[in-house]
Amino acid sequence: VAARRGANTRFADAIAAGDIAAAIAADDELHDVPVAAARNRAIAATLARYTPLLRRLEYARFGSLPAHRSVQRHTELADAIEAGDVDAACAITATIWTELETLLETP
C-alpha cells in the first residue's frame, strides 16, 4: 500500500505540473504494484499486451480535468486495499476502467 500511495503522490504531482509522460509513468508504477504482488505472469503478460492500446486514452485523460479524479480514485483504491475491503477495491477498480472507457465515446 505504501508503494501505491507513493506512486499516487508522484502521479498527482505530475498531473498538477501538466507532465503527462511523468503521470503515465507514475500510473504504470501504481498499477504494477498489485501485479507484482500477485506474481501472476499471465496477468502481467496480458497487461503488457494491452497497455499500448490504452496509451492514447491515458494521454487524453491525463491531459484533462478528469485526471484529478484519477488521483482520488487511486487514493480510494489504496484505502480499500489497506482496509482489506475486497468488494470496495473491485468496485473502485471497475469505476476507474469505466471512467477511462467513457473517453472512447468522447469525440
PDB file of N, CA and C in Angstrom:
ATOM      1  N   VAL A   1       0.834  -1.191   0.000  1.00  0.00           N
ATOM      2  CA  VAL A   1       0.000   0.000   0.000  1.00  0.00           C
ATOM      3  C   VAL A   1       0.878   1.254   0.000  1.00  0.00           C
ATOM      4  N   ALA A   2       1.971   1.215   0.738  1.00  0.00           N
ATOM      5  CA  ALA A   2       2.869   2.378   0.777  1.00  0.00           C
ATOM      6  C   ALA A   2       3.435   2.678  -0.611  1.00  0.00           C
ATOM      7  N   ALA A   3       3.776   1.630  -1.359  1.00  0.00           N
ATOM      8  CA  ALA A   3       4.303   1.831  -2.716  1.00  0.00           C
ATOM      9  C   ALA A   3       3.242   2.457  -3.622  1.00  0.00           C
ATOM     10  N   ARG A   4       1.997   2.011  -3.476  1.00  0.00           N
ATOM     11  CA  ARG A   4       0.900   2.582  -4.273  1.00  0.00           C
ATOM     12  C   ARG A   4       0.677   4.044  -3.906  1.00  0.00           C
ATOM     13  N   ARG A   5       0.715   4.339  -2.611  1.00  0.00           N
ATOM     14  CA  ARG A   5       0.498   5.727  -2.178  1.00  0.00           C
ATOM     15  C   ARG A   5       1.627   6.636  -2.684  1.00  0.00           C
ATOM     16  N   GLY A   6       2.857   6.138  -2.637  1.00  0.00           N
ATOM     17  CA  GLY A   6       3.983   6.923  -3.155  1.00  0.00           C
ATOM     18  C   GLY A   6       3.840   7.193  -4.639  1.00  0.00           C
ATOM     19  N   ALA A   7       3.454   6.164  -5.383  1.00  0.00           N
ATOM     20  CA  ALA A   7       3.253   6.332  -6.822  1.00  0.00           C
ATOM     21  C   ALA A   7       2.102   7.297  -7.087  1.00  0.00           C
ATOM     22  N   ASN A   8       1.056   7.232  -6.266  1.00  0.00           N
ATOM     23  CA  ASN A   8      -0.076   8.139  -6.456  1.00  0.00           C
ATOM     24  C   ASN A   8       0.322   9.585  -6.165  1.00  0.00           C
ATOM     25  N   THR A   9       1.202   9.779  -5.200  1.00  0.00           N
ATOM     26  CA  THR A   9       1.702  11.129  -4.926  1.00  0.00           C
ATOM     27  C   THR A   9       2.470  11.656  -6.134  1.00  0.00           C
ATOM     28  N   ARG A  10       3.322  10.809  -6.713  1.00  0.00           N
ATOM     29  CA  ARG A  10       4.064  11.210  -7.913  1.00  0.00           C
ATOM     30  C   ARG A  10       3.102  11.464  -9.082  1.00  0.00           C
ATOM     31  N   PHE A  11       2.061  10.651  -9.168  1.00  0.00           N
ATOM     32  CA  PHE A  11       1.036  10.817 -10.195  1.00  0.00           C
ATOM     33  C   PHE A  11       0.344  12.176 -10.027  1.00  0.00           C
ATOM     34  N   ALA A  12      -0.080  12.483  -8.802  1.00  0.00           N
ATOM     35  CA  ALA A  12      -0.761  13.754  -8.528  1.00  0.00           C
ATOM     36  C   ALA A  12       0.143  14.940  -8.847  1.00  0.00           C
ATOM     37  N   ASP A  13       1.400  14.836  -8.455  1.00  0.00           N
ATOM     38  CA  ASP A  13       2.354  15.920  -8.733  1.00  0.00           C
ATOM     39  C   ASP A  13       2.530  16.124 -10.239  1.00  0.00           C
ATOM     40  N   ALA A  14       2.609  15.023 -10.976  1.00  0.00           N
ATOM     41  CA  ALA A  14       2.779  15.112 -12.430  1.00  0.00           C
ATOM     42  C   ALA A  14       1.541  15.715 -13.086  1.00  0.00           C
ATOM     43  N   ILE A  15       0.355  15.316 -12.623  1.00  0.00           N
ATOM     44  CA  ILE A  15      -0.889  15.878 -13.158  1.00  0.00           C
ATOM     45  C   ILE A  15      -0.922  17.382 -12.896  1.00  0.00           C
ATOM     46  N   ALA A  16      -0.592  17.765 -11.659  1.00  0.00           N
ATOM     47  CA  ALA A  16      -0.606  19.188 -11.289  1.00  0.00           C
ATOM     48  C   ALA A  16       0.376  19.994 -12.139  1.00  0.00           C
ATOM     49  N   ALA A  17       1.491  19.369 -12.502  1.00  0.00           N
ATOM     50  CA  ALA A  17       2.508  20.049 -13.310  1.00  0.00           C
ATOM     51  C   ALA A  17       2.210  19.988 -14.808  1.00  0.00           C
ATOM     52  N   GLY A  18       1.181  19.221 -15.175  1.00  0.00           N
ATOM     53  CA  GLY A  18       0.865  19.063 -16.591  1.00  0.00           C
ATOM     54  C   GLY A  18       1.847  18.178 -17.332  1.00  0.00           C
ATOM     55  N   ASP A  19       2.581  17.352 -16.595  1.00  0.00           N
ATOM     56  CA  ASP A  19       3.588  16.459 -17.177  1.00  0.00           C
ATOM     57  C   ASP A  19       2.950  15.097 -17.434  1.00  0.00           C
ATOM     58  N   ILE A  20       2.368  14.950 -18.607  1.00  0.00           N
ATOM     59  CA  ILE A  20       1.613  13.740 -18.923  1.00  0.00           C
ATOM     60  C   ILE A  20       2.508  12.510 -18.949  1.00  0.00           C
ATOM     61  N   ALA A  21       3.706  12.623 -19.493  1.00  0.00           N
ATOM     62  CA  ALA A  21       4.621  11.472 -19.539  1.00  0.00           C
ATOM     63  C   ALA A  21       4.949  10.989 -18.131  1.00  0.00           C
ATOM     64  N   ALA A  22       5.219  11.911 -17.212  1.00  0.00           N
ATOM     65  CA  ALA A  22       5.507  11.525 -15.824  1.00  0.00           C
ATOM     66  C   ALA A  22       4.266  10.953 -15.157  1.00  0.00           C
ATOM     67  N   ALA A  23       3.093  11.480 -15.493  1.00  0.00           N
ATOM     68  CA  ALA A  23       1.844  10.954 -14.932  1.00  0.00           C
ATOM     69  C   ALA A  23       1.637   9.510 -15.372  1.00  0.00           C
ATOM     70  N   ILE A  24       1.889   9.234 -16.630  1.00  0.00           N
ATOM     71  CA  ILE A  24       1.727   7.866 -17.135  1.00  0.00           C
ATOM     72  C   ILE A  24       2.742   6.938 -16.488  1.00  0.00           C
ATOM     73  N   ALA A  25       3.972   7.393 -16.321  1.00  0.00           N
ATOM     74  CA  ALA A  25       4.992   6.565 -15.662  1.00  0.00           C
ATOM     75  C   ALA A  25       4.584   6.254 -14.224  1.00  0.00           C
ATOM     76  N   ALA A  26       4.081   7.250 -13.505  1.00  0.00           N
ATOM     77  CA  ALA A  26       3.651   7.033 -12.121  1.00  0.00           C
ATOM     78  C   ALA A  26       2.421   6.134 -12.075  1.00  0.00           C
ATOM     79  N   ASP A  27       1.509   6.305 -13.038  1.00  0.00           N
ATOM     80  CA  ASP A  27       0.318   5.459 -13.101  1.00  0.00           C
ATOM     81  C   ASP A  27       0.717   4.008 -13.359  1.00  0.00           C
ATOM     82  N   ASP A  28       1.677   3.803 -14.257  1.00  0.00           N
ATOM     83  CA  ASP A  28       2.179   2.449 -14.507  1.00  0.00           C
ATOM     84  C   ASP A  28       2.768   1.856 -13.233  1.00  0.00           C
ATOM     85  N   GLU A  29       3.559   2.649 -12.543  1.00  0.00           N
ATOM     86  CA  GLU A  29       4.175   2.194 -11.292  1.00  0.00           C
ATOM     87  C   GLU A  29       3.101   1.811 -10.275  1.00  0.00           C
ATOM     88  N   LEU A  30       2.085   2.647 -10.173  1.00  0.00           N
ATOM     89  CA  LEU A  30       0.992   2.408  -9.235  1.00  0.00           C
ATOM     90  C   LEU A  30       0.285   1.086  -9.544  1.00  0.00           C
ATOM     91  N   HIS A  31      -0.011   0.862 -10.808  1.00  0.00           N
ATOM     92  CA  HIS A  31      -0.739  -0.347 -11.195  1.00  0.00           C
ATOM     93  C   HIS A  31       0.150  -1.588 -11.233  1.00  0.00           C
ATOM     94  N   ASP A  32       1.458  -1.405 -11.323  1.00  0.00           N
ATOM     95  CA  ASP A  32       2.372  -2.547 -11.304  1.00  0.00           C
ATOM     96  C   ASP A  32       2.485  -3.181  -9.918  1.00  0.00           C
ATOM     97  N   VAL A  33       2.166  -2.428  -8.875  1.00  0.00           N
ATOM     98  CA  VAL A  33       2.309  -2.950  -7.507  1.00  0.00           C
ATOM     99  C   VAL A  33       1.475  -4.211  -7.293  1.00  0.00           C
ATOM    100  N   PRO A  34       0.160  -4.196  -7.548  1.00  0.00           N
ATOM    101  CA  PRO A  34      -0.602  -5.425  -7.309  1.00  0.00           C
ATOM    102  C   PRO A  34      -0.256  -6.539  -8.292  1.00  0.00           C
ATOM    103  N   VAL A  35       0.138  -6.169  -9.503  1.00  0.00           N
ATOM    104  CA  VAL A  35       0.521  -7.187 -10.485  1.00  0.00           C
ATOM    105  C   VAL A  35       1.769  -7.922 -10.000  1.00  0.00           C
ATOM    106  N   ALA A  36       2.736  -7.170  -9.512  1.00  0.00           N
ATOM    107  CA  ALA A  36       3.955  -7.790  -8.975  1.00  0.00           C
ATOM    108  C   ALA A  36       3.642  -8.613  -7.733  1.00  0.00           C
ATOM    109  N   ALA A  37       2.763  -8.100  -6.881  1.00  0.00           N
ATOM    110  CA  ALA A  37       2.410  -8.826  -5.657  1.00  0.00           C
ATOM    111  C   ALA A  37       1.700 -10.136  -5.973  1.00  0.00           C
ATOM    112  N   ALA A  38       0.916 -10.149  -7.046  1.00  0.00           N
ATOM    113  CA  ALA A  38       0.186 -11.362  -7.424  1.00  0.00           C
ATOM    114  C   ALA A  38       1.117 -12.431  -7.991  1.00  0.00           C
ATOM    115  N   ARG A  39       2.263 -12.003  -8.502  1.00  0.00           N
ATOM    116  CA  ARG A  39       3.226 -12.933  -9.109  1.00  0.00           C
ATOM    117  C   ARG A  39       2.567 -13.833 -10.159  1.00  0.00           C
ATOM    118  N   ASN A  40       1.678 -13.226 -10.912  1.00  0.00           N
ATOM    119  CA  ASN A  40       0.945 -13.952 -11.939  1.00  0.00           C
ATOM    120  C   ASN A  40       1.434 -13.458 -13.297  1.00  0.00           C
ATOM    121  N   ARG A  41       2.256 -14.272 -13.937  1.00  0.00           N
ATOM    122  CA  ARG A  41       2.848 -13.868 -15.212  1.00  0.00           C
ATOM    123  C   ARG A  41       1.806 -13.714 -16.310  1.00  0.00           C
ATOM    124  N   ALA A  42       0.703 -14.458 -16.221  1.00  0.00           N
ATOM    125  CA  ALA A  42      -0.344 -14.334 -17.238  1.00  0.00           C
ATOM    126  C   ALA A  42      -0.990 -12.953 -17.180  1.00  0.00           C
ATOM    127  N   ILE A  43      -1.254 -12.464 -15.975  1.00  0.00           N
ATOM    128  CA  ILE A  43      -1.823 -11.119 -15.834  1.00  0.00           C
ATOM    129  C   ILE A  43      -0.831 -10.086 -16.346  1.00  0.00           C
ATOM    130  N   ALA A  44       0.422 -10.228 -15.949  1.00  0.00           N
ATOM    131  CA  ALA A  44       1.453  -9.280 -16.386  1.00  0.00           C
ATOM    132  C   ALA A  44       1.565  -9.272 -17.910  1.00  0.00           C
ATOM    133  N   ALA A  45       1.534 -10.438 -18.527  1.00  0.00           N
ATOM    134  CA  ALA A  45       1.644 -10.525 -19.985  1.00  0.00           C
ATOM    135  C   ALA A  45       0.424  -9.916 -20.670  1.00  0.00           C
ATOM    136  N   THR A  46      -0.751 -10.152 -20.117  1.00  0.00           N
ATOM    137  CA  THR A  46      -1.973  -9.590 -20.690  1.00  0.00           C
ATOM    138  C   THR A  46      -1.955  -8.073 -20.612  1.00  0.00           C
ATOM    139  N   LEU A  47      -1.571  -7.548 -19.460  1.00  0.00           N
ATOM    140  CA  LEU A  47      -1.488  -6.093 -19.313  1.00  0.00           C
ATOM    141  C   LEU A  47      -0.436  -5.506 -20.248  1.00  0.00           C
ATOM    142  N   ALA A  48       0.688  -6.184 -20.379  1.00  0.00           N
ATOM    143  CA  ALA A  48       1.741  -5.703 -21.280  1.00  0.00           C
ATOM    144  C   ALA A  48       1.243  -5.660 -22.725  1.00  0.00           C
ATOM    145  N   ARG A  49       0.412  -6.618 -23.073  1.00  0.00           N
ATOM    146  CA  ARG A  49      -0.125  -6.683 -24.430  1.00  0.00           C
ATOM    147  C   ARG A  49      -1.103  -5.539 -24.696  1.00  0.00           C
ATOM    148  N   TYR A  50      -1.928  -5.194 -23.703  1.00  0.00           N
ATOM    149  CA  TYR A  50      -2.966  -4.190 -23.915  1.00  0.00           C
ATOM    150  C   TYR A  50      -2.568  -2.766 -23.533  1.00  0.00           C
ATOM    151  N   THR A  51      -1.491  -2.613 -22.801  1.00  0.00           N
ATOM    152  CA  THR A  51      -1.073  -1.276 -22.370  1.00  0.00           C
ATOM    153  C   THR A  51      -0.881  -0.314 -23.536  1.00  0.00           C
ATOM    154  N   PRO A  52      -0.244  -0.723 -24.633  1.00  0.00           N
ATOM    155  CA  PRO A  52      -0.095   0.226 -25.747  1.00  0.00           C
ATOM    156  C   PRO A  52      -1.436   0.742 -26.280  1.00  0.00           C
ATOM    157  N   LEU A  53      -2.467  -0.078 -26.206  1.00  0.00           N
ATOM    158  CA  LEU A  53      -3.786   0.348 -26.673  1.00  0.00           C
ATOM    159  C   LEU A  53      -4.400   1.398 -25.750  1.00  0.00           C
ATOM    160  N   LEU A  54      -4.002   1.364 -24.497  1.00  0.00           N
ATOM    161  CA  LEU A  54      -4.545   2.306 -23.520  1.00  0.00           C
ATOM    162  C   LEU A  54      -3.849   3.660 -23.541  1.00  0.00           C
ATOM    163  N   ARG A  55      -2.662   3.726 -24.100  1.00  0.00           N
ATOM    164  CA  ARG A  55      -1.869   4.949 -24.024  1.00  0.00           C
ATOM    165  C   ARG A  55      -2.596   6.171 -24.580  1.00  0.00           C
ATOM    166  N   ARG A  56      -3.256   6.033 -25.719  1.00  0.00           N
ATOM    167  CA  ARG A  56      -3.949   7.181 -26.310  1.00  0.00           C
ATOM    168  C   ARG A  56      -5.033   7.695 -25.366  1.00  0.00           C
ATOM    169  N   LEU A  57      -5.768   6.773 -24.748  1.00  0.00           N
ATOM    170  CA  LEU A  57      -6.797   7.178 -23.787  1.00  0.00           C
ATOM    171  C   LEU A  57      -6.176   7.850 -22.573  1.00  0.00           C
ATOM    172  N   GLU A  58      -5.064   7.289 -22.103  1.00  0.00           N
ATOM    173  CA  GLU A  58      -4.405   7.871 -20.934  1.00  0.00           C
ATOM    174  C   GLU A  58      -3.890   9.273 -21.238  1.00  0.00           C
ATOM    175  N   TYR A  59      -3.306   9.462 -22.401  1.00  0.00           N
ATOM    176  CA  TYR A  59      -2.836  10.805 -22.761  1.00  0.00           C
ATOM    177  C   TYR A  59      -4.007  11.784 -22.799  1.00  0.00           C
ATOM    178  N   ALA A  60      -5.140  11.340 -23.324  1.00  0.00           N
ATOM    179  CA  ALA A  60      -6.319  12.209 -23.371  1.00  0.00           C
ATOM    180  C   ALA A  60      -6.831  12.509 -21.968  1.00  0.00           C
ATOM    181  N   ARG A  61      -6.901  11.497 -21.131  1.00  0.00           N
ATOM    182  CA  ARG A  61      -7.444  11.684 -19.786  1.00  0.00           C
ATOM    183  C   ARG A  61      -6.500  12.490 -18.910  1.00  0.00           C
ATOM    184  N   PHE A  62      -5.232  12.142 -18.918  1.00  0.00           N
ATOM    185  CA  PHE A  62      -4.294  12.790 -18.013  1.00  0.00           C
ATOM    186  C   PHE A  62      -4.012  14.231 -18.417  1.00  0.00           C
ATOM    187  N   GLY A  63      -4.395  14.603 -19.613  1.00  0.00           N
ATOM    188  CA  GLY A  63      -4.245  15.981 -20.042  1.00  0.00           C
ATOM    189  C   GLY A  63      -5.516  16.789 -19.842  1.00  0.00           C
ATOM    190  N   SER A  64      -6.453  16.254 -19.048  1.00  0.00           N
ATOM    191  CA  SER A  64      -7.739  16.916 -18.864  1.00  0.00           C
ATOM    192  C   SER A  64      -8.094  17.031 -17.386  1.00  0.00           C
ATOM    193  N   LEU A  65      -9.164  17.755 -17.124  1.00  0.00           N
ATOM    194  CA  LEU A  65      -9.633  17.943 -15.753  1.00  0.00           C
ATOM    195  C   LEU A  65      -9.952  16.624 -15.051  1.00  0.00           C
ATOM    196  N   PRO A  66     -10.554  15.626 -15.724  1.00  0.00           N
ATOM    197  CA  PRO A  66     -10.848  14.371 -15.031  1.00  0.00           C
ATOM    198  C   PRO A  66      -9.616  13.647 -14.482  1.00  0.00           C
ATOM    199  N   ALA A  67      -8.436  14.061 -14.877  1.00  0.00           N
ATOM    200  CA  ALA A  67      -7.223  13.436 -14.341  1.00  0.00           C
ATOM    201  C   ALA A  67      -7.166  13.580 -12.828  1.00  0.00           C
ATOM    202  N   HIS A  68      -7.656  14.687 -12.322  1.00  0.00           N
ATOM    203  CA  HIS A  68      -7.657  14.892 -10.873  1.00  0.00           C
ATOM    204  C   HIS A  68      -8.569  13.878 -10.182  1.00  0.00           C
ATOM    205  N   ARG A  69      -9.598  13.444 -10.897  1.00  0.00           N
ATOM    206  CA  ARG A  69     -10.480  12.403 -10.363  1.00  0.00           C
ATOM    207  C   ARG A  69      -9.722  11.078 -10.268  1.00  0.00           C
ATOM    208  N   SER A  70      -8.800  10.832 -11.191  1.00  0.00           N
ATOM    209  CA  SER A  70      -7.990   9.611 -11.140  1.00  0.00           C
ATOM    210  C   SER A  70      -7.153   9.562  -9.873  1.00  0.00           C
ATOM    211  N   VAL A  71      -6.618  10.708  -9.469  1.00  0.00           N
ATOM    212  CA  VAL A  71      -5.837  10.769  -8.231  1.00  0.00           C
ATOM    213  C   VAL A  71      -6.709  10.327  -7.064  1.00  0.00           C
ATOM    214  N   GLN A  72      -7.933  10.847  -6.998  1.00  0.00           N
ATOM    215  CA  GLN A  72      -8.852  10.481  -5.916  1.00  0.00           C
ATOM    216  C   GLN A  72      -9.203   9.001  -5.978  1.00  0.00           C
ATOM    217  N   ARG A  73      -9.456   8.492  -7.172  1.00  0.00           N
ATOM    218  CA  ARG A  73      -9.798   7.063  -7.309  1.00  0.00           C
ATOM    219  C   ARG A  73      -8.636   6.190  -6.823  1.00  0.00           C
ATOM    220  N   HIS A  74      -7.414   6.570  -7.160  1.00  0.00           N
ATOM    221  CA  HIS A  74      -6.256   5.796  -6.716  1.00  0.00           C
ATOM    222  C   HIS A  74      -6.141   5.823  -5.197  1.00  0.00           C
ATOM    223  N   THR A  75      -6.436   6.966  -4.591  1.00  0.00           N
ATOM    224  CA  THR A  75      -6.417   7.065  -3.128  1.00  0.00           C
ATOM    225  C   THR A  75      -7.483   6.166  -2.528  1.00  0.00           C
ATOM    226  N   GLU A  76      -8.675   6.198  -3.094  1.00  0.00           N
ATOM    227  CA  GLU A  76      -9.766   5.344  -2.615  1.00  0.00           C
ATOM    228  C   GLU A  76      -9.389   3.868  -2.737  1.00  0.00           C
ATOM    229  N   LEU A  77      -8.738   3.513  -3.830  1.00  0.00           N
ATOM    230  CA  LEU A  77      -8.333   2.126  -4.035  1.00  0.00           C
ATOM    231  C   LEU A  77      -7.292   1.707  -3.007  1.00  0.00           C
ATOM    232  N   ALA A  78      -6.315   2.553  -2.757  1.00  0.00           N
ATOM    233  CA  ALA A  78      -5.306   2.245  -1.737  1.00  0.00           C
ATOM    234  C   ALA A  78      -5.954   2.099  -0.367  1.00  0.00           C
ATOM    235  N   ASP A  79      -6.918   2.962  -0.058  1.00  0.00           N
ATOM    236  CA  ASP A  79      -7.627   2.872   1.225  1.00  0.00           C
ATOM    237  C   ASP A  79      -8.365   1.542   1.345  1.00  0.00           C
ATOM    238  N   ALA A  80      -9.035   1.129   0.275  1.00  0.00           N
ATOM    239  CA  ALA A  80      -9.783  -0.129   0.298  1.00  0.00           C
ATOM    240  C   ALA A  80      -8.849  -1.321   0.459  1.00  0.00           C
ATOM    241  N   ILE A  81      -7.729  -1.300  -0.248  1.00  0.00           N
ATOM    242  CA  ILE A  81      -6.755  -2.389  -0.132  1.00  0.00           C
ATOM    243  C   ILE A  81      -6.201  -2.440   1.278  1.00  0.00           C
ATOM    244  N   GLU A  82      -5.842  -1.285   1.807  1.00  0.00           N
ATOM    245  CA  GLU A  82      -5.288  -1.222   3.159  1.00  0.00           C
ATOM    246  C   GLU A  82      -6.288  -1.731   4.190  1.00  0.00           C
ATOM    247  N   ALA A  83      -7.576  -1.466   3.966  1.00  0.00           N
ATOM    248  CA  ALA A  83      -8.622  -1.914   4.886  1.00  0.00           C
ATOM    249  C   ALA A  83      -8.996  -3.378   4.667  1.00  0.00           C
ATOM    250  N   GLY A  84      -8.462  -3.983   3.611  1.00  0.00           N
ATOM    251  CA  GLY A  84      -8.801  -5.369   3.310  1.00  0.00           C
ATOM    252  C   GLY A  84     -10.206  -5.517   2.748  1.00  0.00           C
ATOM    253  N   ASP A  85     -10.746  -4.449   2.199  1.00  0.00           N
ATOM    254  CA  ASP A  85     -12.107  -4.445   1.663  1.00  0.00           C
ATOM    255  C   ASP A  85     -12.063  -4.803   0.177  1.00  0.00           C
ATOM    256  N   VAL A  86     -12.130  -6.095  -0.098  1.00  0.00           N
ATOM    257  CA  VAL A  86     -12.017  -6.597  -1.466  1.00  0.00           C
ATOM    258  C   VAL A  86     -13.154  -6.082  -2.340  1.00  0.00           C
ATOM    259  N   ASP A  87     -14.375  -6.077  -1.801  1.00  0.00           N
ATOM    260  CA  ASP A  87     -15.518  -5.613  -2.592  1.00  0.00           C
ATOM    261  C   ASP A  87     -15.353  -4.155  -3.015  1.00  0.00           C
ATOM    262  N   ALA A  88     -14.934  -3.317  -2.087  1.00  0.00           N
ATOM    263  CA  ALA A  88     -14.727  -1.901  -2.417  1.00  0.00           C
ATOM    264  C   ALA A  88     -13.593  -1.749  -3.422  1.00  0.00           C
ATOM    265  N   ALA A  89     -12.507  -2.492  -3.241  1.00  0.00           N
ATOM    266  CA  ALA A  89     -11.377  -2.414  -4.166  1.00  0.00           C
ATOM    267  C   ALA A  89     -11.808  -2.805  -5.577  1.00  0.00           C
ATOM    268  N   CYS A  90     -12.596  -3.854  -5.686  1.00  0.00           N
ATOM    269  CA  CYS A  90     -13.086  -4.286  -7.005  1.00  0.00           C
ATOM    270  C   CYS A  90     -14.016  -3.238  -7.613  1.00  0.00           C
ATOM    271  N   ALA A  91     -14.890  -2.664  -6.796  1.00  0.00           N
ATOM    272  CA  ALA A  91     -15.819  -1.647  -7.293  1.00  0.00           C
ATOM    273  C   ALA A  91     -15.069  -0.402  -7.769  1.00  0.00           C
ATOM    274  N   ILE A  92     -14.069   0.011  -7.022  1.00  0.00           N
ATOM    275  CA  ILE A  92     -13.291   1.193  -7.405  1.00  0.00           C
ATOM    276  C   ILE A  92     -12.504   0.915  -8.680  1.00  0.00           C
ATOM    277  N   THR A  93     -11.938  -0.278  -8.786  1.00  0.00           N
ATOM    278  CA  THR A  93     -11.212  -0.655  -9.999  1.00  0.00           C
ATOM    279  C   THR A  93     -12.142  -0.608 -11.207  1.00  0.00           C
ATOM    280  N   ALA A  94     -13.350  -1.137 -11.044  1.00  0.00           N
ATOM    281  CA  ALA A  94     -14.329  -1.097 -12.135  1.00  0.00           C
ATOM    282  C   ALA A  94     -14.657   0.343 -12.517  1.00  0.00           C
ATOM    283  N   THR A  95     -14.774   1.212 -11.530  1.00  0.00           N
ATOM    284  CA  THR A  95     -15.054   2.627 -11.796  1.00  0.00           C
ATOM    285  C   THR A  95     -13.915   3.267 -12.578  1.00  0.00           C
ATOM    286  N   ILE A  96     -12.689   2.967 -12.183  1.00  0.00           N
ATOM    287  CA  ILE A  96     -11.525   3.523 -12.886  1.00  0.00           C
ATOM    288  C   ILE A  96     -11.564   3.134 -14.363  1.00  0.00           C
ATOM    289  N   TRP A  97     -11.804   1.858 -14.630  1.00  0.00           N
ATOM    290  CA  TRP A  97     -11.831   1.395 -16.015  1.00  0.00           C
ATOM    291  C   TRP A  97     -13.023   1.973 -16.764  1.00  0.00           C
ATOM    292  N   THR A  98     -14.163   2.087 -16.103  1.00  0.00           N
ATOM    293  CA  THR A  98     -15.353   2.631 -16.750  1.00  0.00           C
ATOM    294  C   THR A  98     -15.154   4.093 -17.109  1.00  0.00           C
ATOM    295  N   GLU A  99     -14.538   4.851 -16.200  1.00  0.00           N
ATOM    296  CA  GLU A  99     -14.273   6.261 -16.497  1.00  0.00           C
ATOM    297  C   GLU A  99     -13.306   6.405 -17.667  1.00  0.00           C
ATOM    298  N   LEU A 100     -12.337   5.531 -17.759  1.00  0.00           N
ATOM    299  CA  LEU A 100     -11.411   5.565 -18.886  1.00  0.00           C
ATOM    300  C   LEU A 100     -12.142   5.203 -20.176  1.00  0.00           C
ATOM    301  N   GLU A 101     -13.039   4.236 -20.074  1.00  0.00           N
ATOM    302  CA  GLU A 101     -13.803   3.793 -21.239  1.00  0.00           C
ATOM    303  C   GLU A 101     -14.671   4.914 -21.815  1.00  0.00           C
ATOM    304  N   THR A 102     -15.154   5.820 -20.962  1.00  0.00           N
ATOM    305  CA  THR A 102     -16.006   6.902 -21.465  1.00  0.00           C
ATOM    306  C   THR A 102     -15.266   7.796 -22.458  1.00  0.00           C
ATOM    307  N   LEU A 103     -13.952   7.813 -22.390  1.00  0.00           N
ATOM    308  CA  LEU A 103     -13.186   8.605 -23.359  1.00  0.00           C
ATOM    309  C   LEU A 103     -13.333   8.066 -24.775  1.00  0.00           C
ATOM    310  N   LEU A 104     -13.650   6.785 -24.897  1.00  0.00           N
ATOM    311  CA  LEU A 104     -13.878   6.204 -26.220  1.00  0.00           C
ATOM    312  C   LEU A 104     -15.112   6.817 -26.869  1.00  0.00           C
ATOM    313  N   GLU A 105     -16.050   7.256 -26.021  1.00  0.00           N
ATOM    314  CA  GLU A 105     -17.307   7.799 -26.512  1.00  0.00           C
ATOM    315  C   GLU A 105     -17.233   9.298 -26.752  1.00  0.00           C
ATOM    316  N   THR A 106     -16.139   9.928 -26.310  1.00  0.00           N
ATOM    317  CA  THR A 106     -15.987  11.371 -26.455  1.00  0.00           C
ATOM    318  C   THR A 106     -15.334  11.685 -27.797  1.00  0.00           C
ATOM    319  N   PRO A 107     -15.971  12.540 -28.596  1.00  0.00           N
ATOM    320  CA  PRO A 107     -15.382  12.853 -29.912  1.00  0.00           C
ATOM    321  C   PRO A 107     -14.083  13.620 -29.795  1.00  0.00           C
TER     322      PRO A 107
END
